[in-house]
């Protein structure tokens, strides 16, 4: 046998040995023909003076914060801003007119604790959904006589007051707030008249039962309609999903209340949004945060980590069928996790949970529809959305400690290539190289303990 023949045989044998071990890719099925809820957006609040803190920052710092929060290309692209309807001396009627039927003594300073400024800034970035939320009615309208420590709106069932029935006056007050914002070019799209109605903390608060909430919805609803406002009545910002069940039932069991309440809202504190509420209305998770000392980590197992929040958003969207997911504060000035960003003097510190939000909020735009996304790989948490411009966003969280190759079978989903955006311990919604589709197949590898959004432009 010649030397050349031996070499050829060795090369032939060598070529049969794979250069790398072969692993079967995890199959992910995306089906655009199967649809679920419509997405209204993602957002946050700057209540209790945080909007003023942003407004008082130097211009360059202001721009940095605003770009991070609202830019759809470099930031999170948030599309819902939740404002507090003040019930203290900064409210639009700080002093009692004397009785529920007396002429109101409204006052409007055009600032509303800098929330007007922040709303106008958000609007410049394209934000069109503004959620006005009252923690309490003014104290003189309540059984307690003060805005703090609970108390109930005078006039609802089982809440009588010597001063009279303040339900209609409170409804007028809320409509006037909407009109004041309209006068400065801001359209309040959603309004709620109560916040965490089972609690009576030392700050602004109001306690109301499900029956009392339904009762007032039947007062405010017709007032909104008579004012020719298309603002959606939203209720009831329960502390958590477990309590939202009873409030939702109270609204649903009253035909008129059910007619007027157009969005059901709850927070995530006492229970997460892990099951759909029994309603045909859109449901929103409108407040949730961790209040431990500031922790910007991506994956340390804590309630503050970006990985934790990526899972919370995934669960809310897929198991809770929610249409909106809001954090508590966007920017906070104290050293806690209650903000996605920390304004530390004139330095803006960014948490990994902010980038977890960005992987959803930047690519899933208002009006998007969630579509079917399934996989047998329990290490992958996958959701998919079709935007109104025809693009598709597929969001994948790899919960495993190893990379996972995946093959995405795209049914009723169109495009030529996908652009991945990666968030993990070393990447912050970082754009990766485009991946060209092979027919209706997208092949990709999801890094360990990472969140990846694949943006597929439609045609």
Protein backbone atom coordinates (compact mmCIF):
# COMPACT_ATOMS: atom_id res chain seq x y z
CA UNK A 1 0.00 0.00 0.00
CA UNK A 2 1.44 3.35 -1.00
CA UNK A 3 1.95 6.21 1.42
CA UNK A 4 -0.51 8.30 -0.53
CA UNK A 5 -3.20 5.62 -0.23
CA UNK A 6 -2.66 5.36 3.53
CA UNK A 7 -2.98 9.11 3.93
CA UNK A 8 -6.19 9.17 1.90
CA UNK A 9 -7.67 6.38 4.03
CA UNK A 10 -6.75 8.17 7.24
CA UNK A 11 -8.30 11.39 6.00
CA UNK A 12 -11.47 9.54 5.01
CA UNK A 13 -11.75 7.96 8.45
CA UNK A 14 -11.02 11.28 10.17
CA UNK A 15 -13.74 13.00 8.19
CA UNK A 16 -16.31 10.63 9.71
CA UNK A 17 -15.53 11.92 13.21
CA UNK A 18 -17.48 15.12 14.04
CA UNK A 19 -15.35 18.08 15.05
CA UNK A 20 -17.74 18.83 17.95
CA UNK A 21 -20.23 16.64 19.81
CA UNK A 22 -23.65 16.74 18.12
CA UNK A 23 -26.51 17.97 20.31
CA UNK A 24 -30.18 17.91 19.32
CA UNK A 25 -31.64 21.39 19.29
CA UNK A 26 -34.64 22.15 21.49
CA UNK A 27 -37.72 22.66 19.31
CA UNK A 28 -39.78 25.82 19.82
CA UNK A 29 -43.07 26.22 17.95
CA UNK A 30 -44.31 29.74 17.17
CA UNK A 31 -47.78 29.89 15.65
CA UNK A 32 -49.11 33.28 14.59
CA UNK A 33 -52.55 31.83 13.86
CA UNK A 34 -53.20 31.19 17.56
CA UNK A 35 -53.72 34.48 19.39
CA UNK A 36 -54.28 35.58 22.97
CA UNK A 37 -54.48 38.99 24.66
CA UNK A 38 -53.69 42.40 23.19
CA UNK A 39 -50.83 44.27 24.87
CA UNK A 40 -51.42 47.84 26.09
CA UNK A 41 -47.87 48.46 27.23
CA UNK A 42 -45.26 48.52 29.99
CA UNK A 43 -44.62 51.35 32.40
CA UNK A 44 -43.95 52.80 35.83
CA UNK A 45 -44.85 55.69 38.18
CA UNK A 46 -43.01 58.68 39.60
CA UNK A 47 -45.58 59.40 42.33
CA UNK A 48 -44.87 60.95 45.73
CA UNK A 49 -42.41 63.55 44.47
CA UNK A 50 -40.16 61.42 42.25
CA UNK A 51 -41.22 63.33 39.15
CA UNK A 52 -40.06 66.52 40.88
CA UNK A 53 -36.68 64.91 41.65
CA UNK A 54 -36.26 64.14 37.95
CA UNK A 55 -37.32 67.67 36.99
CA UNK A 56 -34.78 69.22 39.38
CA UNK A 57 -31.85 67.23 37.99
CA UNK A 58 -29.35 68.95 35.63
CA UNK A 59 -30.42 68.90 31.96
CA UNK A 60 -27.87 66.26 30.94
CA UNK A 61 -28.99 63.97 33.77
CA UNK A 62 -32.63 64.58 32.88
CA UNK A 63 -31.96 63.55 29.30
CA UNK A 64 -30.09 60.43 30.40
CA UNK A 65 -33.03 59.31 32.56
CA UNK A 66 -35.65 60.16 29.94
CA UNK A 67 -33.72 58.37 27.18
CA UNK A 68 -33.36 55.28 29.35
CA UNK A 69 -37.02 55.22 30.29
CA UNK A 70 -38.72 56.17 27.03
CA UNK A 71 -36.41 55.73 24.04
CA UNK A 72 -37.61 52.79 21.91
CA UNK A 73 -34.16 52.42 20.35
CA UNK A 74 -31.65 52.80 23.22
CA UNK A 75 -33.78 52.56 26.37
CA UNK A 76 -36.72 50.55 27.65
CA UNK A 77 -39.27 52.31 25.45
CA UNK A 78 -41.90 52.40 28.22
CA UNK A 79 -45.37 53.35 26.97
CA UNK A 80 -47.47 53.82 30.13
CA UNK A 81 -46.93 56.51 32.76
CA UNK A 82 -48.88 56.17 36.01
CA UNK A 83 -49.49 59.45 37.86
CA UNK A 84 -50.87 59.93 41.35
CA UNK A 85 -53.98 62.10 41.78
CA UNK A 86 -52.90 64.00 44.86
CA UNK A 87 -55.34 64.21 47.76
CA UNK A 88 -53.30 66.52 50.00
CA UNK A 89 -52.52 70.24 49.82
CA UNK A 90 -51.22 69.67 46.28
CA UNK A 91 -54.59 68.38 45.08
CA UNK A 92 -56.89 70.25 42.70
CA UNK A 93 -59.31 70.91 45.61
CA UNK A 94 -57.27 71.11 48.81
CA UNK A 95 -60.01 72.82 50.81
CA UNK A 96 -63.53 71.61 51.45
CA UNK A 97 -66.25 73.70 49.77
CA UNK A 98 -68.34 73.12 52.89
CA UNK A 99 -70.74 70.48 51.64
CA UNK A 100 -71.06 68.00 48.76
CA UNK A 101 -73.46 70.28 46.89
CA UNK A 102 -71.58 73.55 47.43
CA UNK A 103 -69.70 75.06 44.46
CA UNK A 104 -66.28 73.33 44.31
CA UNK A 105 -63.12 75.31 45.03
CA UNK A 106 -60.82 73.88 42.39
CA UNK A 107 -57.20 74.97 42.07
CA UNK A 108 -54.80 74.04 39.26
CA UNK A 109 -51.14 75.03 39.28
CA UNK A 110 -50.28 73.51 35.89
CA UNK A 111 -47.52 71.41 37.47
CA UNK A 112 -49.14 68.73 39.62
CA UNK A 113 -45.90 68.08 41.49
CA UNK A 114 -43.93 68.02 38.18
CA UNK A 115 -46.08 65.19 36.84
CA UNK A 116 -47.25 67.47 34.02
CA UNK A 117 -43.61 68.08 33.05
CA UNK A 118 -42.85 64.35 33.07
CA UNK A 119 -46.00 63.55 31.08
CA UNK A 120 -45.06 66.13 28.46
CA UNK A 121 -41.55 64.72 28.24
CA UNK A 122 -42.93 61.19 27.85
CA UNK A 123 -45.27 62.42 25.14
CA UNK A 124 -42.30 63.71 23.14
CA UNK A 125 -40.99 60.14 23.03
CA UNK A 126 -44.32 58.89 21.73
CA UNK A 127 -46.04 57.83 24.96
CA UNK A 128 -49.82 58.01 24.54
CA UNK A 129 -51.18 56.17 27.56
CA UNK A 130 -51.40 58.06 30.85
CA UNK A 131 -52.88 56.36 33.90
CA UNK A 132 -54.16 58.69 36.66
CA UNK A 133 -54.57 56.91 39.99
CA UNK A 134 -56.03 58.25 43.24
CA UNK A 135 -54.68 56.74 46.44
CA UNK A 136 -57.49 58.51 48.28
CA UNK A 137 -60.27 61.04 47.94
CA UNK A 138 -59.60 64.33 49.75
CA UNK A 139 -59.95 63.82 53.50
CA UNK A 140 -63.08 65.94 53.85
CA UNK A 141 -64.91 63.49 51.54
CA UNK A 142 -64.15 60.48 53.77
CA UNK A 143 -65.40 58.93 56.99
CA UNK A 144 -62.01 59.53 58.63
CA UNK A 145 -61.81 63.22 57.75
CA UNK A 146 -58.20 62.83 56.59
CA UNK A 147 -56.45 61.54 53.48
CA UNK A 148 -54.24 59.22 55.54
CA UNK A 149 -54.95 56.09 57.58
CA UNK A 150 -57.72 54.69 55.44
CA UNK A 151 -61.29 55.86 55.85
CA UNK A 152 -64.04 55.34 53.28
CA UNK A 153 -65.72 57.60 50.73
CA UNK A 154 -68.83 59.12 52.29
CA UNK A 155 -72.03 57.90 50.65
CA UNK A 156 -71.08 54.43 49.46
CA UNK A 157 -72.98 51.59 51.18
CA UNK A 158 -72.25 51.37 54.93
CA UNK A 159 -70.29 54.64 54.93
CA UNK A 160 -72.53 57.52 55.99
CA UNK A 161 -71.17 60.88 57.15
CA UNK A 162 -72.72 63.84 58.89
CA UNK A 163 -71.31 66.06 56.12
CA UNK A 164 -73.37 64.20 53.50
CA UNK A 165 -72.91 62.02 50.43
CA UNK A 166 -69.69 62.95 48.61
CA UNK A 167 -69.86 60.41 45.79
CA UNK A 168 -70.97 62.79 43.06
CA UNK A 169 -68.58 65.50 44.25
CA UNK A 170 -65.71 63.00 44.09
CA UNK A 171 -66.73 61.96 40.58
CA UNK A 172 -66.82 65.63 39.52
CA UNK A 173 -63.38 66.11 41.08
CA UNK A 174 -61.88 63.25 39.08
CA UNK A 175 -63.39 64.47 35.81
CA UNK A 176 -62.03 67.96 36.54
CA UNK A 177 -58.56 66.42 36.96
CA UNK A 178 -58.87 64.87 33.49
CA UNK A 179 -59.93 68.24 32.08
CA UNK A 180 -57.00 70.02 33.74
CA UNK A 181 -54.57 67.64 32.08
CA UNK A 182 -56.34 68.07 28.78
CA UNK A 183 -55.78 71.83 29.10
CA UNK A 184 -52.01 71.25 29.01
CA UNK A 185 -52.16 68.78 26.13
CA UNK A 186 -52.14 65.49 28.05
CA UNK A 187 -54.90 62.95 27.46
CA UNK A 188 -55.60 60.84 30.53
CA UNK A 189 -56.44 57.49 28.97
CA UNK A 190 -57.12 55.59 32.21
CA UNK A 191 -58.31 56.63 35.65
CA UNK A 192 -58.70 54.75 38.93
CA UNK A 193 -60.35 56.20 42.04
CA UNK A 194 -58.70 53.95 44.65
CA UNK A 195 -55.39 52.22 45.39
CA UNK A 196 -54.92 49.07 47.50
CA UNK A 197 -58.43 49.43 48.96
CA UNK A 198 -57.94 46.85 51.73
CA UNK A 199 -55.08 48.75 53.40
CA UNK A 200 -55.07 51.77 55.69
CA UNK A 201 -51.41 52.86 55.96
CA UNK A 202 -50.26 56.12 57.48
CA UNK A 203 -50.00 57.77 54.05
CA UNK A 204 -52.69 58.57 51.48
CA UNK A 205 -55.16 55.67 51.45
CA UNK A 206 -58.85 54.74 51.27
CA UNK A 207 -60.53 51.50 52.34
CA UNK A 208 -63.41 50.17 50.25
CA UNK A 209 -65.08 46.79 49.88
CA UNK A 210 -65.91 45.20 46.55
CA UNK A 211 -69.54 46.28 46.87
CA UNK A 212 -68.47 49.86 47.64
CA UNK A 213 -66.12 49.90 44.65
CA UNK A 214 -68.90 48.68 42.35
CA UNK A 215 -71.24 51.29 43.79
CA UNK A 216 -68.91 54.20 43.04
CA UNK A 217 -68.06 52.86 39.59
CA UNK A 218 -71.75 53.40 38.77
CA UNK A 219 -71.39 57.06 39.79
CA UNK A 220 -68.10 57.85 38.08
CA UNK A 221 -68.84 55.87 34.91
CA UNK A 222 -71.87 57.96 33.82
CA UNK A 223 -70.01 61.17 34.75
CA UNK A 224 -67.12 60.20 32.46
CA UNK A 225 -69.58 59.43 29.67
CA UNK A 226 -71.46 62.72 30.15
CA UNK A 227 -68.20 64.66 29.93
CA UNK A 228 -67.56 63.10 26.49
CA UNK A 229 -64.33 61.64 27.84
CA UNK A 230 -63.00 58.42 26.34
CA UNK A 231 -60.92 57.87 29.47
CA UNK A 232 -61.19 54.24 30.54
CA UNK A 233 -62.45 53.62 34.06
CA UNK A 234 -59.90 51.31 35.69
CA UNK A 235 -60.33 49.39 38.94
CA UNK A 236 -59.21 48.43 41.60
CA UNK A 237 -55.42 48.23 42.15
CA UNK A 238 -55.60 45.43 44.73
CA UNK A 239 -52.45 44.60 46.69
CA UNK A 240 -52.11 41.34 44.79
CA UNK A 241 -53.77 38.89 42.44
CA UNK A 242 -55.37 36.89 45.28
CA UNK A 243 -57.34 39.96 46.39
CA UNK A 244 -58.09 41.07 42.85
CA UNK A 245 -60.22 37.95 42.43
CA UNK A 246 -62.87 39.19 44.90
CA UNK A 247 -62.84 42.78 43.59
CA UNK A 248 -63.18 41.53 40.03
CA UNK A 249 -66.10 39.35 41.09
CA UNK A 250 -67.82 42.33 42.74
CA UNK A 251 -67.50 44.36 39.54
CA UNK A 252 -68.64 41.48 37.32
CA UNK A 253 -71.68 40.66 39.45
CA UNK A 254 -73.08 44.18 39.01
CA UNK A 255 -74.17 44.70 35.37
CA UNK A 256 -73.81 48.49 35.46
CA UNK A 257 -70.43 48.44 37.18
CA UNK A 258 -69.26 45.79 34.72
CA UNK A 259 -70.38 48.03 31.86
CA UNK A 260 -68.46 51.07 33.06
CA UNK A 261 -65.21 49.46 34.30
CA UNK A 262 -63.08 48.87 31.21
CA UNK A 263 -59.78 47.72 32.74
CA UNK A 264 -59.20 45.52 35.80
CA UNK A 265 -55.98 46.37 37.65
CA UNK A 266 -54.00 44.82 40.48
CA UNK A 267 -50.56 44.87 42.03
CA UNK A 268 -48.21 41.92 42.44
CA UNK A 269 -47.25 42.17 46.12
CA UNK A 270 -49.44 39.65 47.98
CA UNK A 271 -49.71 37.31 44.98
CA UNK A 272 -48.27 37.45 41.45
CA UNK A 273 -50.32 37.54 38.23
CA UNK A 274 -50.02 33.82 37.56
CA UNK A 275 -53.60 33.05 36.52
CA UNK A 276 -56.17 34.95 34.42
CA UNK A 277 -58.77 36.98 36.29
CA UNK A 278 -62.39 36.10 35.54
CA UNK A 279 -63.15 39.02 33.26
CA UNK A 280 -63.40 39.82 29.56
CA UNK A 281 -61.71 43.17 30.22
CA UNK A 282 -58.00 43.86 29.81
CA UNK A 283 -56.12 43.20 33.04
CA UNK A 284 -53.12 45.21 34.18
CA UNK A 285 -50.42 44.58 36.76
CA UNK A 286 -49.93 48.20 37.82
CA UNK A 287 -47.41 48.15 40.68
CA UNK A 288 -44.73 45.84 42.02
CA UNK A 289 -41.26 46.31 43.47
CA UNK A 290 -38.70 44.99 45.89
CA UNK A 291 -37.89 47.41 48.73
CA UNK A 292 -34.62 45.98 49.99
CA UNK A 293 -31.36 47.97 49.68
CA UNK A 294 -30.25 48.79 46.12
CA UNK A 295 -29.12 45.72 44.21
CA UNK A 296 -28.49 46.00 40.45
CA UNK A 297 -27.52 42.31 39.97
CA UNK A 298 -28.67 40.18 37.06
CA UNK A 299 -28.74 36.71 38.60
CA UNK A 300 -28.07 36.43 42.34
CA UNK A 301 -31.30 34.66 43.29
CA UNK A 302 -32.77 37.73 44.98
CA UNK A 303 -36.17 39.34 44.48
CA UNK A 304 -34.37 42.34 42.99
CA UNK A 305 -32.44 40.54 40.28
CA UNK A 306 -33.07 41.07 36.61
CA UNK A 307 -33.48 37.32 36.15
CA UNK A 308 -36.30 37.28 38.72
CA UNK A 309 -38.10 40.13 36.99
CA UNK A 310 -37.71 38.51 33.58
CA UNK A 311 -39.53 35.49 34.99
CA UNK A 312 -42.21 37.65 36.62
CA UNK A 313 -42.95 39.44 33.37
CA UNK A 314 -43.00 36.15 31.45
CA UNK A 315 -45.43 34.60 33.94
CA UNK A 316 -47.70 37.63 33.94
CA UNK A 317 -47.92 37.71 30.16
CA UNK A 318 -48.33 33.98 29.57
CA UNK A 319 -50.05 32.60 32.69
CA UNK A 320 -51.88 35.75 33.82
CA UNK A 321 -52.82 36.92 30.31
CA UNK A 322 -52.17 40.49 31.41
CA UNK A 323 -52.15 43.36 28.93
CA UNK A 324 -49.84 45.69 30.88
CA UNK A 325 -46.98 45.26 33.34
CA UNK A 326 -45.83 48.25 35.45
CA UNK A 327 -43.01 48.58 37.95
CA UNK A 328 -43.49 50.89 40.94
CA UNK A 329 -40.97 53.71 40.40
CA UNK A 330 -38.96 54.15 37.25
CA UNK A 331 -36.43 56.41 38.99
CA UNK A 332 -35.92 56.46 42.74
CA UNK A 333 -33.72 58.72 44.84
CA UNK A 334 -33.43 56.46 47.89
CA UNK A 335 -31.04 53.53 48.11
CA UNK A 336 -33.64 50.79 47.54
CA UNK A 337 -34.82 48.56 44.71
CA UNK A 338 -38.15 50.40 44.47
CA UNK A 339 -36.82 52.08 41.31
CA UNK A 340 -35.50 50.54 38.13
CA UNK A 341 -33.00 53.41 38.04
CA UNK A 342 -31.31 55.01 41.05
CA UNK A 343 -30.67 58.75 40.95
CA UNK A 344 -27.69 58.99 43.29
CA UNK A 345 -26.86 62.69 43.41
CA UNK A 346 -26.26 63.46 39.74
CA UNK A 347 -25.34 59.88 38.87
CA UNK A 348 -27.86 57.54 37.27
CA UNK A 349 -27.34 53.93 38.28
CA UNK A 350 -29.07 51.30 36.15
CA UNK A 351 -30.27 47.95 37.49
CA UNK A 352 -30.31 44.70 35.55
CA UNK A 353 -34.06 44.46 36.16
CA UNK A 354 -34.36 47.61 34.04
CA UNK A 355 -32.79 45.72 31.13
CA UNK A 356 -35.04 42.73 31.80
CA UNK A 357 -37.98 45.09 31.26
CA UNK A 358 -36.32 46.53 28.16
CA UNK A 359 -36.12 43.11 26.50
CA UNK A 360 -39.91 43.07 26.63
CA UNK A 361 -41.04 46.70 26.51
CA UNK A 362 -38.78 47.91 23.70
CA UNK A 363 -39.92 45.21 21.28
CA UNK A 364 -43.53 44.48 22.31
CA UNK A 365 -45.34 47.65 21.36
CA UNK A 366 -48.88 48.83 22.22
CA UNK A 367 -51.44 46.94 20.20
CA UNK A 368 -49.25 43.84 19.87
CA UNK A 369 -51.02 40.50 20.14
CA UNK A 370 -49.55 37.57 22.02
CA UNK A 371 -49.28 34.50 19.80
CA UNK A 372 -48.68 30.85 20.58
CA UNK A 373 -45.17 29.84 21.72
CA UNK A 374 -44.59 26.32 22.98
CA UNK A 375 -41.64 24.07 23.74
CA UNK A 376 -41.03 20.78 25.49
CA UNK A 377 -37.78 22.11 26.95
CA UNK A 378 -38.61 23.14 30.53
CA UNK A 379 -35.42 25.21 30.69
CA UNK A 380 -36.80 27.68 28.15
CA UNK A 381 -39.48 30.23 29.02
CA UNK A 382 -40.76 31.49 25.67
CA UNK A 383 -43.34 34.08 24.68
CA UNK A 384 -44.08 35.61 21.28
CA UNK A 385 -45.92 38.70 20.04
CA UNK A 386 -46.99 40.13 16.71
CA UNK A 387 -46.81 43.93 16.53
CA UNK A 388 -49.24 46.03 14.52
CA UNK A 389 -46.44 46.86 12.03
CA UNK A 390 -46.15 43.15 11.18
CA UNK A 391 -42.94 42.50 13.11
CA UNK A 392 -42.65 39.62 15.57
CA UNK A 393 -40.90 39.62 18.95
CA UNK A 394 -39.90 36.25 20.42
CA UNK A 395 -38.62 36.52 24.00
CA UNK A 396 -36.71 33.55 25.44
CA UNK A 397 -35.31 33.11 28.94
CA UNK A 398 -32.83 30.26 29.36
CA UNK A 399 -33.08 29.16 33.00
CA UNK A 400 -30.40 26.47 32.61
CA UNK A 401 -26.73 26.82 33.55
CA UNK A 402 -25.68 25.74 30.04
CA UNK A 403 -26.20 27.16 26.56
CA UNK A 404 -29.18 25.70 24.71
CA UNK A 405 -29.29 25.37 20.91
CA UNK A 406 -32.85 25.85 19.69
CA UNK A 407 -34.76 25.49 16.45
CA UNK A 408 -37.76 27.80 16.12
CA UNK A 409 -40.51 26.53 13.85
CA UNK A 410 -42.27 29.70 12.61
CA UNK A 411 -45.85 29.15 11.50
CA UNK A 412 -47.89 32.10 10.17
CA UNK A 413 -44.92 34.33 11.02
CA UNK A 414 -43.05 36.12 8.26
CA UNK A 415 -39.64 37.68 7.79
CA UNK A 416 -36.19 37.13 6.32
CA UNK A 417 -33.97 37.46 9.41
CA UNK A 418 -34.05 37.88 13.18
CA UNK A 419 -31.99 40.32 15.23
CA UNK A 420 -31.21 39.00 18.74
CA UNK A 421 -30.97 41.34 21.74
CA UNK A 422 -29.16 39.79 24.71
CA UNK A 423 -29.41 40.54 28.43
CA UNK A 424 -27.39 38.68 31.05
CA UNK A 425 -24.60 39.35 33.55
CA UNK A 426 -22.44 41.07 30.88
CA UNK A 427 -24.95 42.35 28.30
CA UNK A 428 -27.71 44.94 28.56
CA UNK A 429 -30.26 44.43 25.76
CA UNK A 430 -27.21 44.25 23.50
CA UNK A 431 -27.77 43.85 19.77
CA UNK A 432 -26.22 40.69 18.32
CA UNK A 433 -25.50 39.67 14.74
CA UNK A 434 -28.63 39.05 12.61
CA UNK A 435 -29.63 35.45 11.97
CA UNK A 436 -31.08 34.63 8.56
CA UNK A 437 -34.11 32.39 8.51
CA UNK A 438 -34.07 29.13 6.58
CA UNK A 439 -37.56 29.00 5.19
CA UNK A 440 -39.74 29.03 8.29
CA UNK A 441 -36.94 28.02 10.67
CA UNK A 442 -34.81 30.12 12.98
CA UNK A 443 -31.78 28.35 14.45
CA UNK A 444 -30.05 29.95 17.41
CA UNK A 445 -28.23 29.22 20.65
CA UNK A 446 -29.56 30.83 23.83
CA UNK A 447 -26.71 31.48 26.30
CA UNK A 448 -27.00 30.12 29.84
CA UNK A 449 -29.02 32.18 32.34
CA UNK A 450 -29.80 34.73 29.65
CA UNK A 451 -32.76 36.63 28.24
CA UNK A 452 -32.86 37.00 24.45
CA UNK A 453 -35.39 38.86 22.30
CA UNK A 454 -35.46 37.93 18.63
CA UNK A 455 -36.91 40.77 16.55
CA UNK A 456 -38.22 39.58 13.18
CA UNK A 457 -39.30 42.33 10.82
CA UNK A 458 -42.38 41.38 8.83
CA UNK A 459 -42.89 41.99 5.14
